[in-house]
Structures are given as structure tokens and as C-alpha cells.
């Protein structure tokens, strides 16, 4: 069967759980896909699992690549280079797809094919088949860029499916000795160049956020990958984001930079924002964080 979709999985020491994703791929109603896996330096039994699975017949090809540990964004850059599918979806190693996911992707993609103004499709992620992650819009589908989606109540992590040829023009920036940069730095750049996503109100991706995952370590990731974090904030502030979203970005960045030991003058220079604005929004960010912690403790 012709490969239409590349299911891409970056993984690191997830041998204990990745079989759930493997089984979900074996159970797909449509097998017009490949599974490309970039192992980011695992030291567990991940490689042994893929050697074993490589001996079996699944109805779809598995291509496994091992590299030294460099972070998810570098793994994605590699995955895009290796992809044979027209469409590219990232599925983390602790998550899995619904059995109709590939079928649904291909059926919906027909609606936007060859229009030129679309970067791809977006679906809901769910904690199960009924409980979505974040929030969504009313109706069956909606066209909006990744920047505009917040204005339509599309919040939280979503399952984006991009055209591979578009992703090849938008590589993640790589900084020496840093292993993380948020995916929004690329998704927003694509959006700023005018490419839309057609969002669908359907769950195709089931996820849970593990304690050892990236999501649970947001603050330490920003501190330990500060050059990439600074680059991201500078880029995002160039775009036509909602003023509230920009204020949050500046406030959180300034608070993080202060923990890093930077002065307000250095922070202002880093992101090109007035020093007094940085000072005010940092205080506001601290107050907001305190209130959230207080409410959570009650």
C-alpha cells in the first residue's frame, strides 16, 4: 500500500511504554503509513524492541534511527529528512493513535489538497475518546493559523498533521549544548507566513503527560536551554499575537531570566522590550503565579 502518512516518533528511554503506540499502529484501519522513529540516545531496551519488531509483518514499514542525545527538536529535524509520506504527524512515545486515525487524516486531507494556503490539518488530542485536551470550537471544522487558533477557543495541545514538503522549509533552530526548544517556534513561523490549518473537532490522538516527560519540566527546560528560549520569545513577539499572550510571554521570560541571574537591562536588550515594561510584567507574573498556587492549595 502506498505510503501517504509518516507517523513520526522521537523517543528517549521509553521502552517500557512505547509498545502501546506500536499496538495502536498495528490496529489502524488504514495502513497507508510508515512509522519513522528517531531514538535520541536511549540507554534502555528500546533498540532491542525495534530489532524484534523489525522481524515481524505489520502491514506498514518501520524505520528506526539511533542518534546521540540532542533533544526532541533535533530528532524532528532528522525525522522530516527521513520521511516518505506526504503528510507528517508527530506522535510521542508515551501516546497512541485511535484505530481510525490514519483513515480520518486521509479522508479529511482531501478537502484541502492542492489549495496551497494550508500547512495541514489539526485534530483534538484526548485523555480518552471523549475527553479532549484543552478547549475547542463549536462545529465540525474551522480554518485558522496556529496563531489565530486561540481566538477561536482552540487551546491546549492538538494533533497537527503537516504537509512534509512544508516542514522541510521550516527546520528547528539548534543551539550548542541545548536540548530543547518549543515546537511553537516553528508552528508560529509557518502561521506568520500565512499558512492555515483546517481544525477538526475529532479526537484521533490519546495522551497522558508522564512525570518524566517534557511538559512536566517546563521551568527547568527554559533555564537549561536559555539561548533557545530567548530566541523563541524574540521570534514570537514579532508576530501578531493577542496582547494578553504577549504580556504573558514577556512576564514569564523576565521572571525566568531573573532566576538565571540577568539584570532588567540585560533582559530588555535580549528581547527588545522596554525595561519598565519588563519590570512591570515580571511583577504581574509573580503575582499571577502566587494566586494560582494559593488557589490550587485550597
Protein backbone atom coordinates (compact mmCIF):
# COMPACT_ATOMS: atom_id res chain seq x y z
CA UNK A 1 0.00 0.00 0.00
CA UNK A 2 1.33 3.46 -0.94
CA UNK A 3 2.75 5.48 1.95
CA UNK A 4 0.69 8.64 2.43
CA UNK A 5 1.44 9.50 6.06
CA UNK A 6 4.62 9.46 8.11
CA UNK A 7 3.91 8.77 11.76
CA UNK A 8 7.00 10.16 13.45
CA UNK A 9 8.05 9.31 16.99
CA UNK A 10 11.01 10.82 18.82
CA UNK A 11 11.86 8.67 21.83
CA UNK A 12 14.22 8.52 24.77
CA UNK A 13 14.19 5.66 27.29
CA UNK A 14 10.53 4.83 26.74
CA UNK A 15 10.95 1.11 26.12
CA UNK A 16 8.57 0.43 28.99
CA UNK A 17 5.62 2.16 27.33
CA UNK A 18 6.18 2.56 23.57
CA UNK A 19 4.55 -0.81 22.83
CA UNK A 20 1.16 0.83 23.44
CA UNK A 21 1.81 3.10 20.45
CA UNK A 22 3.14 0.17 18.41
CA UNK A 23 -0.05 -1.79 19.07
CA UNK A 24 -2.23 1.18 18.10
CA UNK A 25 -0.41 1.37 14.76
CA UNK A 26 -0.88 -2.35 14.14
CA UNK A 27 -4.61 -1.82 14.73
CA UNK A 28 -5.02 1.01 12.22
CA UNK A 29 -7.96 0.56 9.84
CA UNK A 30 -5.86 2.10 7.05
CA UNK A 31 -2.23 1.07 6.60
CA UNK A 32 -1.13 3.79 4.14
CA UNK A 33 1.57 4.99 6.51
CA UNK A 34 5.09 4.39 7.73
CA UNK A 35 6.45 4.64 11.27
CA UNK A 36 9.69 6.59 11.48
CA UNK A 37 11.35 6.52 14.89
CA UNK A 38 14.36 8.57 15.96
CA UNK A 39 15.83 7.22 19.18
CA UNK A 40 17.50 10.15 20.91
CA UNK A 41 20.21 8.15 22.68
CA UNK A 42 18.15 5.69 24.75
CA UNK A 43 20.06 3.51 27.21
CA UNK A 44 17.18 1.12 27.95
CA UNK A 45 15.78 -1.75 25.84
CA UNK A 46 14.25 0.45 23.12
CA UNK A 47 16.69 -0.68 20.43
CA UNK A 48 16.09 -4.35 21.27
CA UNK A 49 12.34 -3.85 20.94
CA UNK A 50 12.68 -2.39 17.46
CA UNK A 51 15.04 -5.16 16.37
CA UNK A 52 12.40 -7.67 17.43
CA UNK A 53 9.52 -5.77 15.80
CA UNK A 54 11.57 -5.42 12.62
CA UNK A 55 11.38 -9.19 12.14
CA UNK A 56 7.58 -9.17 12.12
CA UNK A 57 4.96 -8.32 9.50
CA UNK A 58 2.78 -5.35 10.45
CA UNK A 59 1.27 -4.13 7.19
CA UNK A 60 3.35 -0.94 7.41
CA UNK A 61 7.11 -0.23 7.33
CA UNK A 62 9.05 0.67 10.47
CA UNK A 63 12.26 2.67 10.13
CA UNK A 64 14.30 3.09 13.29
CA UNK A 65 17.24 5.51 13.63
CA UNK A 66 19.52 5.82 16.64
CA UNK A 67 21.39 9.04 17.37
CA UNK A 68 23.26 10.63 20.26
CA UNK A 69 21.10 12.57 22.68
CA UNK A 70 20.32 16.01 21.27
CA UNK A 71 16.71 16.76 22.14
CA UNK A 72 13.29 16.37 20.56
CA UNK A 73 13.68 19.29 18.13
CA UNK A 74 16.82 17.79 16.57
CA UNK A 75 15.03 14.44 16.33
CA UNK A 76 12.14 16.13 14.49
CA UNK A 77 14.58 17.75 12.04
CA UNK A 78 16.00 14.29 11.33
CA UNK A 79 12.55 12.72 11.10
CA UNK A 80 11.40 15.19 8.47
CA UNK A 81 14.50 14.39 6.38
CA UNK A 82 13.75 10.65 6.56
CA UNK A 83 10.00 10.94 5.88
CA UNK A 84 8.48 9.36 2.77
CA UNK A 85 4.88 10.34 3.47
CA UNK A 86 3.17 13.43 2.03
CA UNK A 87 1.78 14.10 5.49
CA UNK A 88 3.68 14.15 8.78
CA UNK A 89 2.29 13.68 12.29
CA UNK A 90 4.35 13.62 15.48
CA UNK A 91 3.18 11.02 17.99
CA UNK A 92 5.12 10.95 21.24
CA UNK A 93 6.32 7.60 22.55
CA UNK A 94 4.02 7.65 25.58
CA UNK A 95 0.91 8.38 23.49
CA UNK A 96 -1.04 6.44 20.87
CA UNK A 97 -3.50 6.86 17.98
CA UNK A 98 -7.13 5.84 17.73
CA UNK A 99 -7.67 2.94 15.32
CA UNK A 100 -9.31 5.22 12.74
CA UNK A 101 -6.67 7.99 12.95
CA UNK A 102 -4.86 7.41 9.63
CA UNK A 103 -8.15 6.78 7.82
CA UNK A 104 -9.59 10.02 9.20
CA UNK A 105 -6.48 12.04 8.33
CA UNK A 106 -6.60 10.92 4.70
CA UNK A 107 -10.35 11.46 4.36
CA UNK A 108 -10.13 15.00 5.76
CA UNK A 109 -6.99 15.93 3.82
CA UNK A 110 -8.87 15.59 0.53
CA UNK A 111 -10.80 18.74 1.49
CA UNK A 112 -7.70 20.97 1.44
CA UNK A 113 -5.42 19.18 -1.00
CA UNK A 114 -3.81 21.39 -3.66
CA UNK A 115 -5.26 24.61 -2.23
CA UNK A 116 -1.79 25.95 -1.44
CA UNK A 117 -2.82 28.05 1.55
CA UNK A 118 -2.89 25.19 4.06
CA UNK A 119 0.04 23.83 6.06
CA UNK A 120 -2.04 20.84 7.10
CA UNK A 121 -4.76 19.59 9.43
CA UNK A 122 -5.39 19.75 13.15
CA UNK A 123 -7.31 17.29 15.34
CA UNK A 124 -8.04 17.04 19.04
CA UNK A 125 -5.92 15.14 21.50
CA UNK A 126 -7.84 13.36 24.21
CA UNK A 127 -7.32 11.79 27.60
CA UNK A 128 -9.69 9.20 26.12
CA UNK A 129 -12.10 9.10 23.15
CA UNK A 130 -14.47 11.58 24.83
CA UNK A 131 -12.37 13.95 26.99
CA UNK A 132 -10.39 16.43 24.91
CA UNK A 133 -7.19 18.14 25.98
CA UNK A 134 -7.64 21.91 26.21
CA UNK A 135 -10.69 23.52 24.63
CA UNK A 136 -12.22 23.65 21.17
CA UNK A 137 -14.69 25.46 18.92
CA UNK A 138 -18.31 24.77 18.04
CA UNK A 139 -18.93 22.91 14.80
CA UNK A 140 -17.15 20.30 12.68
CA UNK A 141 -14.23 22.24 11.19
CA UNK A 142 -12.62 25.67 11.18
CA UNK A 143 -9.77 27.32 9.25
CA UNK A 144 -7.22 29.31 11.26
CA UNK A 145 -3.47 29.63 11.59
CA UNK A 146 -1.67 28.33 14.67
CA UNK A 147 -1.50 31.95 15.86
CA UNK A 148 -5.18 32.68 15.25
CA UNK A 149 -6.50 29.49 16.85
CA UNK A 150 -6.57 30.94 20.37
CA UNK A 151 -9.13 33.50 19.13
CA UNK A 152 -11.42 30.58 18.24
CA UNK A 153 -11.11 28.86 21.64
CA UNK A 154 -8.73 26.22 20.25
CA UNK A 155 -6.37 25.86 23.20
CA UNK A 156 -4.06 23.20 24.59
CA UNK A 157 -2.06 20.57 22.74
CA UNK A 158 -3.54 19.44 19.42
CA UNK A 159 -2.64 16.71 16.95
CA UNK A 160 -1.31 18.65 13.97
CA UNK A 161 -0.68 16.90 10.66
CA UNK A 162 1.60 18.92 8.39
CA UNK A 163 2.50 18.59 4.74
CA UNK A 164 6.02 17.18 4.76
CA UNK A 165 7.21 19.44 1.93
CA UNK A 166 6.27 22.49 4.02
CA UNK A 167 8.08 21.23 7.13
CA UNK A 168 11.23 20.76 5.08
CA UNK A 169 11.35 24.55 4.71
CA UNK A 170 10.99 25.15 8.46
CA UNK A 171 13.75 23.43 10.41
CA UNK A 172 14.02 23.86 14.17
CA UNK A 173 16.95 26.09 15.18
CA UNK A 174 19.70 24.24 17.05
CA UNK A 175 21.85 25.80 19.77
CA UNK A 176 25.12 24.24 21.03
CA UNK A 177 24.77 22.30 24.31
CA UNK A 178 21.00 22.83 24.41
CA UNK A 179 18.48 20.02 24.01
CA UNK A 180 15.09 21.72 23.93
CA UNK A 181 13.16 24.37 22.06
CA UNK A 182 9.38 24.62 21.95
CA UNK A 183 7.60 23.40 18.82
CA UNK A 184 5.69 26.70 18.67
CA UNK A 185 8.81 28.41 17.36
CA UNK A 186 8.22 26.57 14.06
CA UNK A 187 4.41 26.29 14.12
CA UNK A 188 4.08 30.06 14.64
CA UNK A 189 6.61 30.83 11.91
CA UNK A 190 4.56 28.75 9.49
CA UNK A 191 1.45 30.62 10.62
CA UNK A 192 3.13 34.02 10.29
CA UNK A 193 3.92 33.15 6.68
CA UNK A 194 0.19 32.82 6.06
CA UNK A 195 -0.32 29.05 6.13
CA UNK A 196 -3.59 27.93 7.70
CA UNK A 197 -4.59 24.74 9.46
CA UNK A 198 -8.01 23.18 8.99
CA UNK A 199 -9.02 22.17 12.51
CA UNK A 200 -11.42 19.28 13.06
CA UNK A 201 -13.44 18.55 16.16
CA UNK A 202 -12.45 14.90 16.31
CA UNK A 203 -10.12 13.03 18.65
CA UNK A 204 -7.50 10.90 16.89
CA UNK A 205 -4.71 11.00 19.47
CA UNK A 206 -4.78 9.73 23.07
CA UNK A 207 -2.23 11.11 25.50
CA UNK A 208 -1.15 11.30 29.08
CA UNK A 209 1.55 13.53 30.50
CA UNK A 210 4.11 11.44 32.37
CA UNK A 211 6.18 12.79 35.26
CA UNK A 212 9.34 12.14 33.23
CA UNK A 213 8.02 14.00 30.19
CA UNK A 214 8.90 17.40 28.75
CA UNK A 215 5.60 19.02 29.77
CA UNK A 216 6.21 18.46 33.49
CA UNK A 217 9.63 20.18 33.36
CA UNK A 218 8.78 23.47 31.64
CA UNK A 219 10.61 25.79 34.06
CA UNK A 220 13.84 23.80 34.18
CA UNK A 221 13.76 23.40 30.39
CA UNK A 222 13.67 27.18 29.95
CA UNK A 223 16.53 27.69 32.39
CA UNK A 224 18.70 24.92 30.97
CA UNK A 225 18.08 25.88 27.34
CA UNK A 226 18.11 29.62 27.77
CA UNK A 227 19.53 30.65 24.38
CA UNK A 228 16.79 28.71 22.59
CA UNK A 229 14.20 30.09 24.99
CA UNK A 230 15.37 33.66 24.34
CA UNK A 231 15.31 33.07 20.58
CA UNK A 232 11.76 31.72 20.84
CA UNK A 233 10.45 34.70 22.80
CA UNK A 234 12.09 37.19 20.41
CA UNK A 235 10.52 35.41 17.44
CA UNK A 236 7.06 35.08 18.97
CA UNK A 237 6.96 38.76 19.95
CA UNK A 238 7.39 39.70 16.26
CA UNK A 239 4.10 38.05 15.38
CA UNK A 240 0.56 39.35 15.56
CA UNK A 241 -0.27 37.64 18.84
CA UNK A 242 -3.05 38.69 21.20
CA UNK A 243 -1.74 41.44 23.56
CA UNK A 244 -2.52 39.26 26.58
CA UNK A 245 -0.46 36.41 25.11
CA UNK A 246 2.48 38.76 24.50
CA UNK A 247 2.23 40.11 28.05
CA UNK A 248 2.36 36.59 29.47
CA UNK A 249 5.38 35.71 27.31
CA UNK A 250 7.28 38.81 28.44
CA UNK A 251 6.34 38.36 32.11
CA UNK A 252 7.30 34.70 32.29
CA UNK A 253 10.51 35.27 30.32
CA UNK A 254 11.56 38.14 32.58
CA UNK A 255 10.82 36.11 35.72
CA UNK A 256 12.83 33.17 34.33
CA UNK A 257 15.71 35.42 33.27
CA UNK A 258 15.88 36.94 36.76
CA UNK A 259 16.22 33.43 38.20
CA UNK A 260 19.01 32.93 35.65
CA UNK A 261 20.74 35.99 37.14
CA UNK A 262 20.16 38.55 34.38
CA UNK A 263 19.53 42.22 35.12
CA UNK A 264 16.45 44.02 33.82
CA UNK A 265 18.75 45.92 31.44
CA UNK A 266 20.09 42.65 30.00
CA UNK A 267 16.59 41.21 29.73
CA UNK A 268 15.33 44.31 27.93
CA UNK A 269 18.20 44.09 25.45
CA UNK A 270 17.69 40.33 24.91
CA UNK A 271 14.09 40.60 23.73
CA UNK A 272 13.90 44.23 22.58
CA UNK A 273 11.25 45.28 25.10
CA UNK A 274 11.26 48.46 27.20
CA UNK A 275 12.93 47.88 30.57
CA UNK A 276 9.96 49.28 32.53
CA UNK A 277 7.53 47.00 30.66
CA UNK A 278 9.73 44.02 31.58
CA UNK A 279 9.82 45.13 35.22
CA UNK A 280 6.04 45.61 35.45
CA UNK A 281 5.12 42.36 33.69
CA UNK A 282 7.62 40.37 35.78
CA UNK A 283 5.89 41.58 38.97
CA UNK A 284 2.49 40.80 37.44
CA UNK A 285 3.71 37.31 36.50
CA UNK A 286 4.89 36.68 40.07
CA UNK A 287 1.54 37.79 41.49
CA UNK A 288 -0.36 35.63 39.00
CA UNK A 289 1.76 32.61 39.86
CA UNK A 290 1.24 33.18 43.60
CA UNK A 291 -2.54 33.43 43.18
CA UNK A 292 -2.65 30.24 41.10
CA UNK A 293 -0.57 28.38 43.70
CA UNK A 294 -2.78 29.67 46.51
CA UNK A 295 -5.99 28.61 44.76
CA UNK A 296 -4.51 25.21 43.92
CA UNK A 297 -3.59 24.62 47.57
CA UNK A 298 -7.15 25.22 48.75
